[in-house]
Amino acid sequence: MTETVYRGYDRAALDAQYDNRAAVPDHADYSARWAVDCAAAIEDFESRLDVAYGTAEGETLDIFPAATDGPAPVLVYFHGGYWMSRDKSDFSFFARTFVPAGAALVVVNYGLIPSVDMDELVRQCRNALSWVHANATSFGGDAGRIHVAGHSAGGHLVAMMMATDWPAVGGVPRDLVKGGCAISGVYDLEPMALCYLQDTLGLSAEQVKRNSPLHLTPTTTAPLLIAVGGAESDEFHRQGATIGASWRGHGVPCTEIERPGLNHFSILAEFAEPDSPTTAAFLTQMGLG
């Protein structure tokens, strides 16, 4: 008899719930297409690449300034990769969607586990947002209209930013984040510490507690979009549903969006389409709908 490790799953079954690459055999095709789109975005849009927002290795970001006159809303994007892989440069293609819509785009890098631990990774992301608030006017952005978005591990970071006591962290306004969009996010880190990912993440019980948005009190009542693909695993659906229910209880307007037939990678591809339901709702949240 196999041992149950989490919510009725044994280790192999829990691993399968979070092994997105195994669930989507053509996942590499998405990355290949995005690489082409990223190269085109660098050619087509003004950019400021590898801007340092801190002194630690990995604390850099890419900026795609607003193309409109006057201060524009700012989208700060946090990439996924289970906190251990990917790079900001893999997601420049979002400039093709958000800059023409009237936003400034900032794509954040952070130190990857195991070169840093989860606490340091989250600290760096908070530092990035503080930097964006202080420097938004330098790239045509409005420091009073900062929105955050991210996919997978980036969805987790979106929620962590919305559960941050900003005045205590960096002397910035409590309402720093005006809204968020978390796509296929992970908001409860307990299963991360019980599946194959723990081999690299090395999460302690205290780190799980400190960095699980599901168990934190949001520090904002800004709206949060929570998107998940219909073809994603039961655990990703549970993660989205539980954070929505929890945070609505704290007064956060949470809108859950399920995209039928989309998997963990195709839902991100859809986010690059300005007329897709999730993107249209997020642009409306940003005042650009």
C-alpha atoms as a PDB file:
ATOM      1  CA  MET A   1       0.000   0.000   0.000  1.00  0.00           C
ATOM      2  CA  THR A   2       1.418   3.371  -1.010  1.00  0.00           C
ATOM      3  CA  GLU A   3       1.736   6.126   1.534  1.00  0.00           C
ATOM      4  CA  THR A   4      -0.535   9.159   1.248  1.00  0.00           C
ATOM      5  CA  VAL A   5       1.514  12.354   1.488  1.00  0.00           C
ATOM      6  CA  TYR A   6      -1.005  15.122   0.768  1.00  0.00           C
ATOM      7  CA  ARG A   7      -4.804  15.357   0.368  1.00  0.00           C
ATOM      8  CA  GLY A   8      -5.150  11.709  -0.607  1.00  0.00           C
ATOM      9  CA  TYR A   9      -2.258  11.739  -3.092  1.00  0.00           C
ATOM     10  CA  ASP A  10       0.719   9.456  -2.786  1.00  0.00           C
ATOM     11  CA  ARG A  11       4.098  10.887  -3.821  1.00  0.00           C
ATOM     12  CA  ALA A  12       3.842   9.794  -7.465  1.00  0.00           C
ATOM     13  CA  ALA A  13       0.339  11.180  -7.843  1.00  0.00           C
ATOM     14  CA  LEU A  14       1.275  14.482  -6.205  1.00  0.00           C
ATOM     15  CA  ASP A  15       4.333  14.750  -8.441  1.00  0.00           C
ATOM     16  CA  ALA A  16       2.059  14.306 -11.468  1.00  0.00           C
ATOM     17  CA  GLN A  17      -0.256  17.088 -10.294  1.00  0.00           C
ATOM     18  CA  TYR A  18       2.599  19.587 -10.471  1.00  0.00           C
ATOM     19  CA  ASP A  19       4.683  18.189 -13.337  1.00  0.00           C
ATOM     20  CA  ASN A  20       3.375  20.487 -16.055  1.00  0.00           C
ATOM     21  CA  ARG A  21       5.985  19.543 -18.641  1.00  0.00           C
ATOM     22  CA  ALA A  22       5.081  15.873 -18.410  1.00  0.00           C
ATOM     23  CA  ALA A  23       1.398  16.774 -18.758  1.00  0.00           C
ATOM     24  CA  VAL A  24       2.035  18.857 -21.905  1.00  0.00           C
ATOM     25  CA  PRO A  25       4.381  16.920 -24.216  1.00  0.00           C
ATOM     26  CA  ASP A  26       4.702  19.813 -26.691  1.00  0.00           C
ATOM     27  CA  HIS A  27       5.623  22.352 -24.000  1.00  0.00           C
ATOM     28  CA  ALA A  28       8.938  23.102 -25.734  1.00  0.00           C
ATOM     29  CA  ASP A  29       7.073  24.327 -28.809  1.00  0.00           C
ATOM     30  CA  TYR A  30       5.593  27.174 -26.775  1.00  0.00           C
ATOM     31  CA  SER A  31       9.030  28.286 -25.579  1.00  0.00           C
ATOM     32  CA  ALA A  32      10.353  28.191 -29.144  1.00  0.00           C
ATOM     33  CA  ARG A  33       7.541  30.421 -30.401  1.00  0.00           C
ATOM     34  CA  TRP A  34       7.968  32.814 -27.501  1.00  0.00           C
ATOM     35  CA  ALA A  35      11.682  33.158 -28.236  1.00  0.00           C
ATOM     36  CA  VAL A  36      10.865  34.328 -31.765  1.00  0.00           C
ATOM     37  CA  ASP A  37       8.249  36.751 -30.451  1.00  0.00           C
ATOM     38  CA  CYS A  38      10.662  38.094 -27.816  1.00  0.00           C
ATOM     39  CA  ALA A  39      13.305  38.842 -30.437  1.00  0.00           C
ATOM     40  CA  ALA A  40      10.708  40.685 -32.510  1.00  0.00           C
ATOM     41  CA  ALA A  41       9.563  42.704 -29.509  1.00  0.00           C
ATOM     42  CA  ILE A  42      13.120  43.856 -28.821  1.00  0.00           C
ATOM     43  CA  GLU A  43      13.374  44.983 -32.442  1.00  0.00           C
ATOM     44  CA  ASP A  44       9.992  46.716 -32.547  1.00  0.00           C
ATOM     45  CA  PHE A  45       9.758  48.487 -29.184  1.00  0.00           C
ATOM     46  CA  GLU A  46      11.927  50.836 -27.185  1.00  0.00           C
ATOM     47  CA  SER A  47      13.507  48.948 -24.318  1.00  0.00           C
ATOM     48  CA  ARG A  48      15.894  49.383 -21.431  1.00  0.00           C
ATOM     49  CA  LEU A  49      17.374  46.015 -20.640  1.00  0.00           C
ATOM     50  CA  ASP A  50      19.169  44.633 -17.591  1.00  0.00           C
ATOM     51  CA  VAL A  51      18.436  47.627 -15.382  1.00  0.00           C
ATOM     52  CA  ALA A  52      19.618  47.006 -11.826  1.00  0.00           C
ATOM     53  CA  TYR A  53      16.997  47.437  -9.109  1.00  0.00           C
ATOM     54  CA  GLY A  54      19.243  46.156  -6.321  1.00  0.00           C
ATOM     55  CA  THR A  55      22.752  44.984  -5.581  1.00  0.00           C
ATOM     56  CA  ALA A  56      22.188  41.225  -5.350  1.00  0.00           C
ATOM     57  CA  GLU A  57      22.917  39.001  -8.309  1.00  0.00           C
ATOM     58  CA  GLY A  58      19.758  38.565 -10.309  1.00  0.00           C
ATOM     59  CA  GLU A  59      18.229  41.879  -9.256  1.00  0.00           C
ATOM     60  CA  THR A  60      17.667  43.241 -12.754  1.00  0.00           C
ATOM     61  CA  LEU A  61      14.649  44.069 -14.860  1.00  0.00           C
ATOM     62  CA  ASP A  62      13.704  44.925 -18.432  1.00  0.00           C
ATOM     63  CA  ILE A  63      11.633  48.019 -19.156  1.00  0.00           C
ATOM     64  CA  PHE A  64       9.446  48.685 -22.172  1.00  0.00           C
ATOM     65  CA  PRO A  65       8.437  52.335 -21.756  1.00  0.00           C
ATOM     66  CA  ALA A  66       4.951  53.534 -22.435  1.00  0.00           C
ATOM     67  CA  ALA A  67       4.341  54.694 -25.986  1.00  0.00           C
ATOM     68  CA  THR A  68       1.709  57.242 -24.974  1.00  0.00           C
ATOM     69  CA  ASP A  69       2.014  60.831 -23.797  1.00  0.00           C
ATOM     70  CA  GLY A  70       1.623  61.404 -20.097  1.00  0.00           C
ATOM     71  CA  PRO A  71       2.027  58.951 -17.221  1.00  0.00           C
ATOM     72  CA  ALA A  72       0.787  55.469 -18.120  1.00  0.00           C
ATOM     73  CA  PRO A  73      -0.251  52.531 -15.946  1.00  0.00           C
ATOM     74  CA  VAL A  74       2.592  50.129 -15.258  1.00  0.00           C
ATOM     75  CA  LEU A  75       2.443  46.362 -15.584  1.00  0.00           C
ATOM     76  CA  VAL A  76       5.095  44.589 -13.534  1.00  0.00           C
ATOM     77  CA  TYR A  77       5.388  40.987 -14.700  1.00  0.00           C
ATOM     78  CA  PHE A  78       6.885  38.156 -12.624  1.00  0.00           C
ATOM     79  CA  HIS A  79       7.923  35.091 -14.592  1.00  0.00           C
ATOM     80  CA  GLY A  80       7.315  31.470 -13.691  1.00  0.00           C
ATOM     81  CA  GLY A  81       9.572  28.424 -13.713  1.00  0.00           C
ATOM     82  CA  TYR A  82       8.855  27.057 -10.226  1.00  0.00           C
ATOM     83  CA  TRP A  83      11.203  29.680  -8.742  1.00  0.00           C
ATOM     84  CA  MET A  84      14.173  27.740 -10.132  1.00  0.00           C
ATOM     85  CA  SER A  85      14.264  28.408 -13.873  1.00  0.00           C
ATOM     86  CA  ARG A  86      13.416  30.856 -16.690  1.00  0.00           C
ATOM     87  CA  ASP A  87      14.506  34.460 -17.182  1.00  0.00           C
ATOM     88  CA  LYS A  88      12.882  37.837 -17.760  1.00  0.00           C
ATOM     89  CA  SER A  89      14.174  37.818 -21.335  1.00  0.00           C
ATOM     90  CA  ASP A  90      11.869  34.861 -22.061  1.00  0.00           C
ATOM     91  CA  PHE A  91       8.835  37.126 -21.695  1.00  0.00           C
ATOM     92  CA  SER A  92       9.642  40.282 -23.648  1.00  0.00           C
ATOM     93  CA  PHE A  93       6.878  39.238 -26.033  1.00  0.00           C
ATOM     94  CA  PHE A  94       4.291  40.734 -23.674  1.00  0.00           C
ATOM     95  CA  ALA A  95       5.434  44.160 -24.887  1.00  0.00           C
ATOM     96  CA  ARG A  96       3.577  43.419 -28.128  1.00  0.00           C
ATOM     97  CA  THR A  97       0.328  43.274 -26.164  1.00  0.00           C
ATOM     98  CA  PHE A  98       0.606  45.788 -23.366  1.00  0.00           C
ATOM     99  CA  VAL A  99       2.666  48.673 -24.788  1.00  0.00           C
ATOM    100  CA  PRO A 100       0.290  49.318 -27.739  1.00  0.00           C
ATOM    101  CA  ALA A 101      -2.601  49.132 -25.268  1.00  0.00           C
ATOM    102  CA  GLY A 102      -1.124  52.088 -23.386  1.00  0.00           C
ATOM    103  CA  ALA A 103       0.907  50.524 -20.572  1.00  0.00           C
ATOM    104  CA  ALA A 104       4.543  50.563 -19.588  1.00  0.00           C
ATOM    105  CA  LEU A 105       5.854  47.017 -19.104  1.00  0.00           C
ATOM    106  CA  VAL A 106       8.475  45.933 -16.573  1.00  0.00           C
ATOM    107  CA  VAL A 107       9.633  42.293 -16.560  1.00  0.00           C
ATOM    108  CA  VAL A 108      11.418  41.299 -13.373  1.00  0.00           C
ATOM    109  CA  ASN A 109      14.321  38.922 -12.794  1.00  0.00           C
ATOM    110  CA  TYR A 110      15.099  37.477  -9.388  1.00  0.00           C
ATOM    111  CA  GLY A 111      17.660  35.083  -8.012  1.00  0.00           C
ATOM    112  CA  LEU A 112      16.704  31.482  -8.685  1.00  0.00           C
ATOM    113  CA  ILE A 113      16.537  28.716  -6.120  1.00  0.00           C
ATOM    114  CA  PRO A 114      18.863  27.104  -5.026  1.00  0.00           C
ATOM    115  CA  SER A 115      21.235  30.062  -5.480  1.00  0.00           C
ATOM    116  CA  VAL A 116      18.871  31.910  -3.123  1.00  0.00           C
ATOM    117  CA  ASP A 117      16.125  30.645  -0.818  1.00  0.00           C
ATOM    118  CA  MET A 118      12.423  31.476  -1.032  1.00  0.00           C
ATOM    119  CA  ASP A 119      12.640  34.260   1.545  1.00  0.00           C
ATOM    120  CA  GLU A 120      15.380  36.038  -0.401  1.00  0.00           C
ATOM    121  CA  LEU A 121      13.575  35.530  -3.702  1.00  0.00           C
ATOM    122  CA  VAL A 122      10.437  37.197  -2.350  1.00  0.00           C
ATOM    123  CA  ARG A 123      12.517  39.994  -0.817  1.00  0.00           C
ATOM    124  CA  GLN A 124      14.040  40.715  -4.213  1.00  0.00           C
ATOM    125  CA  CYS A 125      10.620  40.898  -5.861  1.00  0.00           C
ATOM    126  CA  ARG A 126       9.453  43.343  -3.193  1.00  0.00           C
ATOM    127  CA  ASN A 127      12.583  45.379  -3.833  1.00  0.00           C
ATOM    128  CA  ALA A 128      11.772  45.398  -7.551  1.00  0.00           C
ATOM    129  CA  LEU A 129       8.300  46.832  -6.931  1.00  0.00           C
ATOM    130  CA  SER A 130       9.697  49.463  -4.580  1.00  0.00           C
ATOM    131  CA  TRP A 131      12.179  50.426  -7.320  1.00  0.00           C
ATOM    132  CA  VAL A 132       9.431  50.653  -9.931  1.00  0.00           C
ATOM    133  CA  HIS A 133       7.407  52.929  -7.665  1.00  0.00           C
ATOM    134  CA  ALA A 134      10.401  55.225  -7.136  1.00  0.00           C
ATOM    135  CA  ASN A 135      11.425  55.295 -10.804  1.00  0.00           C
ATOM    136  CA  ALA A 136       8.177  54.981 -12.760  1.00  0.00           C
ATOM    137  CA  THR A 137       8.264  58.526 -14.107  1.00  0.00           C
ATOM    138  CA  SER A 138      11.652  57.866 -15.731  1.00  0.00           C
ATOM    139  CA  PHE A 139      10.012  55.530 -18.260  1.00  0.00           C
ATOM    140  CA  GLY A 140       6.657  57.249 -18.668  1.00  0.00           C
ATOM    141  CA  GLY A 141       4.899  55.289 -15.949  1.00  0.00           C
ATOM    142  CA  ASP A 142       2.480  56.413 -13.271  1.00  0.00           C
ATOM    143  CA  ALA A 143       3.667  55.397  -9.790  1.00  0.00           C
ATOM    144  CA  GLY A 144       0.059  55.583  -8.666  1.00  0.00           C
ATOM    145  CA  ARG A 145      -1.110  52.957 -11.169  1.00  0.00           C
ATOM    146  CA  ILE A 146       1.101  49.904 -10.697  1.00  0.00           C
ATOM    147  CA  HIS A 147      -0.440  46.517 -11.489  1.00  0.00           C
ATOM    148  CA  VAL A 148       1.188  43.109 -11.166  1.00  0.00           C
ATOM    149  CA  ALA A 149       0.820  39.931 -13.199  1.00  0.00           C
ATOM    150  CA  GLY A 150       2.536  36.570 -13.310  1.00  0.00           C
ATOM    151  CA  HIS A 151       2.199  32.962 -14.349  1.00  0.00           C
ATOM    152  CA  SER A 152       2.744  29.813 -12.263  1.00  0.00           C
ATOM    153  CA  ALA A 153       5.459  30.734  -9.722  1.00  0.00           C
ATOM    154  CA  GLY A 154       4.884  34.282 -10.941  1.00  0.00           C
ATOM    155  CA  GLY A 155       1.235  33.976  -9.889  1.00  0.00           C
ATOM    156  CA  HIS A 156       2.466  33.107  -6.413  1.00  0.00           C
ATOM    157  CA  LEU A 157       4.671  36.212  -6.449  1.00  0.00           C
ATOM    158  CA  VAL A 158       1.727  38.376  -7.525  1.00  0.00           C
ATOM    159  CA  ALA A 159      -0.188  37.257  -4.442  1.00  0.00           C
ATOM    160  CA  MET A 160       2.856  37.738  -2.223  1.00  0.00           C
ATOM    161  CA  MET A 161       3.161  41.328  -3.452  1.00  0.00           C
ATOM    162  CA  MET A 162      -0.502  41.892  -2.580  1.00  0.00           C
ATOM    163  CA  ALA A 163       0.107  40.518   0.926  1.00  0.00           C
ATOM    164  CA  THR A 164       3.090  42.790   1.622  1.00  0.00           C
ATOM    165  CA  ASP A 165       3.159  45.485   4.290  1.00  0.00           C
ATOM    166  CA  TRP A 166       4.688  48.062   1.956  1.00  0.00           C
ATOM    167  CA  PRO A 167       5.327  50.893   4.418  1.00  0.00           C
ATOM    168  CA  ALA A 168       7.275  48.455   6.606  1.00  0.00           C
ATOM    169  CA  VAL A 169       9.260  47.075   3.676  1.00  0.00           C
ATOM    170  CA  GLY A 170      10.313  50.159   1.827  1.00  0.00           C
ATOM    171  CA  GLY A 171       8.487  53.242   2.997  1.00  0.00           C
ATOM    172  CA  VAL A 172       6.164  53.112  -0.015  1.00  0.00           C
ATOM    173  CA  PRO A 173       2.377  53.545   0.068  1.00  0.00           C
ATOM    174  CA  ARG A 174       0.306  50.719   1.472  1.00  0.00           C
ATOM    175  CA  ASP A 175      -1.788  50.766  -1.706  1.00  0.00           C
ATOM    176  CA  LEU A 176       1.270  50.402  -3.953  1.00  0.00           C
ATOM    177  CA  VAL A 177      -0.393  47.604  -5.944  1.00  0.00           C
ATOM    178  CA  LYS A 178      -3.576  48.729  -7.667  1.00  0.00           C
ATOM    179  CA  GLY A 179      -4.516  45.304  -9.027  1.00  0.00           C
ATOM    180  CA  GLY A 180      -3.205  41.913  -9.998  1.00  0.00           C
ATOM    181  CA  CYS A 181      -3.589  39.014 -12.390  1.00  0.00           C
ATOM    182  CA  ALA A 182      -2.362  35.599 -11.238  1.00  0.00           C
ATOM    183  CA  ILE A 183      -2.355  32.933 -13.953  1.00  0.00           C
ATOM    184  CA  SER A 184      -2.081  29.251 -12.995  1.00  0.00           C
ATOM    185  CA  GLY A 185      -0.576  30.271  -9.693  1.00  0.00           C
ATOM    186  CA  VAL A 186       0.520  28.374  -6.590  1.00  0.00           C
ATOM    187  CA  TYR A 187      -0.728  29.981  -3.382  1.00  0.00           C
ATOM    188  CA  ASP A 188      -0.226  27.161  -0.878  1.00  0.00           C
ATOM    189  CA  LEU A 189       3.377  25.952  -0.765  1.00  0.00           C
ATOM    190  CA  GLU A 190       2.724  22.893   1.406  1.00  0.00           C
ATOM    191  CA  PRO A 191       2.426  20.496  -1.561  1.00  0.00           C
ATOM    192  CA  MET A 192       5.593  22.009  -3.062  1.00  0.00           C
ATOM    193  CA  ALA A 193       7.487  20.782  -0.013  1.00  0.00           C
ATOM    194  CA  LEU A 194       6.027  17.285  -0.394  1.00  0.00           C
ATOM    195  CA  CYS A 195       6.541  16.636  -4.112  1.00  0.00           C
ATOM    196  CA  TYR A 196       9.545  16.320  -6.420  1.00  0.00           C
ATOM    197  CA  LEU A 197      10.075  20.093  -6.430  1.00  0.00           C
ATOM    198  CA  GLN A 198      11.300  19.983  -2.840  1.00  0.00           C
ATOM    199  CA  ASP A 199      14.514  18.326  -4.027  1.00  0.00           C
ATOM    200  CA  THR A 200      15.523  21.750  -5.381  1.00  0.00           C
ATOM    201  CA  LEU A 201      13.360  24.166  -3.392  1.00  0.00           C
ATOM    202  CA  GLY A 202      14.479  22.897   0.019  1.00  0.00           C
ATOM    203  CA  LEU A 203      11.604  24.649   1.769  1.00  0.00           C
ATOM    204  CA  SER A 204      11.521  24.656   5.558  1.00  0.00           C
ATOM    205  CA  ALA A 205       8.203  24.541   7.409  1.00  0.00           C
ATOM    206  CA  GLU A 206       8.714  28.176   8.412  1.00  0.00           C
ATOM    207  CA  GLN A 207       9.344  29.234   4.808  1.00  0.00           C
ATOM    208  CA  VAL A 208       6.187  27.463   3.680  1.00  0.00           C
ATOM    209  CA  LYS A 209       4.205  29.358   6.307  1.00  0.00           C
ATOM    210  CA  ARG A 210       5.773  32.755   5.568  1.00  0.00           C
ATOM    211  CA  ASN A 211       5.430  32.429   1.808  1.00  0.00           C
ATOM    212  CA  SER A 212       2.007  30.847   1.288  1.00  0.00           C
ATOM    213  CA  PRO A 213      -0.409  33.626   0.265  1.00  0.00           C
ATOM    214  CA  LEU A 214      -3.347  31.369   1.107  1.00  0.00           C
ATOM    215  CA  HIS A 215      -2.416  31.662   4.777  1.00  0.00           C
ATOM    216  CA  LEU A 216      -1.547  35.371   4.697  1.00  0.00           C
ATOM    217  CA  THR A 217      -3.791  38.372   5.088  1.00  0.00           C
ATOM    218  CA  PRO A 218      -3.793  40.586   1.999  1.00  0.00           C
ATOM    219  CA  THR A 219      -2.749  44.150   2.728  1.00  0.00           C
ATOM    220  CA  THR A 220      -4.869  45.604  -0.062  1.00  0.00           C
ATOM    221  CA  THR A 221      -8.424  45.517  -1.315  1.00  0.00           C
ATOM    222  CA  ALA A 222      -7.227  45.965  -4.910  1.00  0.00           C
ATOM    223  CA  PRO A 223      -8.845  43.533  -7.364  1.00  0.00           C
ATOM    224  CA  LEU A 224      -7.247  40.204  -8.225  1.00  0.00           C
ATOM    225  CA  LEU A 225      -7.925  38.150 -11.350  1.00  0.00           C
ATOM    226  CA  ILE A 226      -7.261  34.437 -10.829  1.00  0.00           C
ATOM    227  CA  ALA A 227      -6.993  32.485 -14.080  1.00  0.00           C
ATOM    228  CA  VAL A 228      -6.548  28.756 -14.640  1.00  0.00           C
ATOM    229  CA  GLY A 229      -6.719  26.559 -17.712  1.00  0.00           C
ATOM    230  CA  GLY A 230      -9.504  24.016 -17.966  1.00  0.00           C
ATOM    231  CA  ALA A 231      -6.981  21.322 -18.921  1.00  0.00           C
ATOM    232  CA  GLU A 232      -4.740  21.950 -15.909  1.00  0.00           C
ATOM    233  CA  SER A 233      -4.489  19.528 -13.011  1.00  0.00           C
ATOM    234  CA  ASP A 234      -6.944  19.352 -10.141  1.00  0.00           C
ATOM    235  CA  GLU A 235      -4.363  20.859  -7.823  1.00  0.00           C
ATOM    236  CA  PHE A 236      -4.015  24.009  -9.933  1.00  0.00           C
ATOM    237  CA  HIS A 237      -7.788  24.370  -9.891  1.00  0.00           C
ATOM    238  CA  ARG A 238      -7.829  23.894  -6.131  1.00  0.00           C
ATOM    239  CA  GLN A 239      -5.048  26.419  -5.641  1.00  0.00           C
ATOM    240  CA  GLY A 240      -6.972  29.095  -7.551  1.00  0.00           C
ATOM    241  CA  ALA A 241     -10.328  28.363  -5.938  1.00  0.00           C
ATOM    242  CA  THR A 242      -8.977  28.391  -2.385  1.00  0.00           C
ATOM    243  CA  ILE A 243      -7.091  31.679  -2.691  1.00  0.00           C
ATOM    244  CA  GLY A 244     -10.154  33.292  -4.234  1.00  0.00           C
ATOM    245  CA  ALA A 245     -12.433  32.112  -1.439  1.00  0.00           C
ATOM    246  CA  SER A 246      -9.936  33.064   1.271  1.00  0.00           C
ATOM    247  CA  TRP A 247      -9.115  36.516  -0.003  1.00  0.00           C
ATOM    248  CA  ARG A 248     -12.716  37.436  -0.777  1.00  0.00           C
ATOM    249  CA  GLY A 249     -13.245  36.896   2.940  1.00  0.00           C
ATOM    250  CA  HIS A 250     -10.658  39.624   3.522  1.00  0.00           C
ATOM    251  CA  GLY A 251     -12.436  42.073   1.217  1.00  0.00           C
ATOM    252  CA  VAL A 252     -10.357  41.541  -1.928  1.00  0.00           C
ATOM    253  CA  PRO A 253     -12.512  41.522  -5.091  1.00  0.00           C
ATOM    254  CA  CYS A 254     -11.365  38.230  -6.651  1.00  0.00           C
ATOM    255  CA  THR A 255     -12.555  37.170 -10.090  1.00  0.00           C
ATOM    256  CA  GLU A 256     -11.871  33.571 -11.082  1.00  0.00           C
ATOM    257  CA  ILE A 257     -11.526  32.833 -14.785  1.00  0.00           C
ATOM    258  CA  GLU A 258     -11.369  29.274 -16.122  1.00  0.00           C
ATOM    259  CA  ARG A 259     -10.260  28.993 -19.746  1.00  0.00           C
ATOM    260  CA  PRO A 260     -11.726  25.805 -21.246  1.00  0.00           C
ATOM    261  CA  GLY A 261      -9.288  23.467 -22.954  1.00  0.00           C
ATOM    262  CA  LEU A 262      -6.172  25.461 -22.101  1.00  0.00           C
ATOM    263  CA  ASN A 263      -3.177  23.866 -20.403  1.00  0.00           C
ATOM    264  CA  HIS A 264      -0.435  25.335 -18.246  1.00  0.00           C
ATOM    265  CA  PHE A 265       1.389  26.716 -21.288  1.00  0.00           C
ATOM    266  CA  SER A 266      -1.398  27.602 -23.704  1.00  0.00           C
ATOM    267  CA  ILE A 267      -3.063  29.775 -21.064  1.00  0.00           C
ATOM    268  CA  LEU A 268       0.083  31.913 -20.959  1.00  0.00           C
ATOM    269  CA  ALA A 269       0.155  32.073 -24.753  1.00  0.00           C
ATOM    270  CA  GLU A 270      -3.428  33.326 -24.628  1.00  0.00           C
ATOM    271  CA  PHE A 271      -2.455  36.065 -22.164  1.00  0.00           C
ATOM    272  CA  ALA A 272      -0.384  37.567 -24.995  1.00  0.00           C
ATOM    273  CA  GLU A 273      -3.578  38.060 -27.012  1.00  0.00           C
ATOM    274  CA  PRO A 274      -5.180  41.423 -26.147  1.00  0.00           C
ATOM    275  CA  ASP A 275      -8.706  40.239 -26.915  1.00  0.00           C
ATOM    276  CA  SER A 276      -8.568  37.061 -24.821  1.00  0.00           C
ATOM    277  CA  PRO A 277     -10.957  37.059 -21.832  1.00  0.00           C
ATOM    278  CA  THR A 278      -8.210  37.157 -19.196  1.00  0.00           C
ATOM    279  CA  THR A 279      -6.180  39.873 -20.922  1.00  0.00           C
ATOM    280  CA  ALA A 280      -9.242  41.973 -21.729  1.00  0.00           C
ATOM    281  CA  ALA A 281     -10.323  41.808 -18.093  1.00  0.00           C
ATOM    282  CA  PHE A 282      -6.828  42.775 -16.931  1.00  0.00           C
ATOM    283  CA  LEU A 283      -6.608  45.707 -19.354  1.00  0.00           C
ATOM    284  CA  THR A 284      -9.961  46.894 -18.021  1.00  0.00           C
ATOM    285  CA  GLN A 285      -8.589  46.586 -14.482  1.00  0.00           C
ATOM    286  CA  MET A 286      -5.676  48.784 -15.576  1.00  0.00           C
ATOM    287  CA  GLY A 287      -8.055  51.376 -17.029  1.00  0.00           C
ATOM    288  CA  LEU A 288      -7.103  50.451 -20.589  1.00  0.00           C
ATOM    289  CA  GLY A 289     -10.130  48.375 -21.601  1.00  0.00           C
END
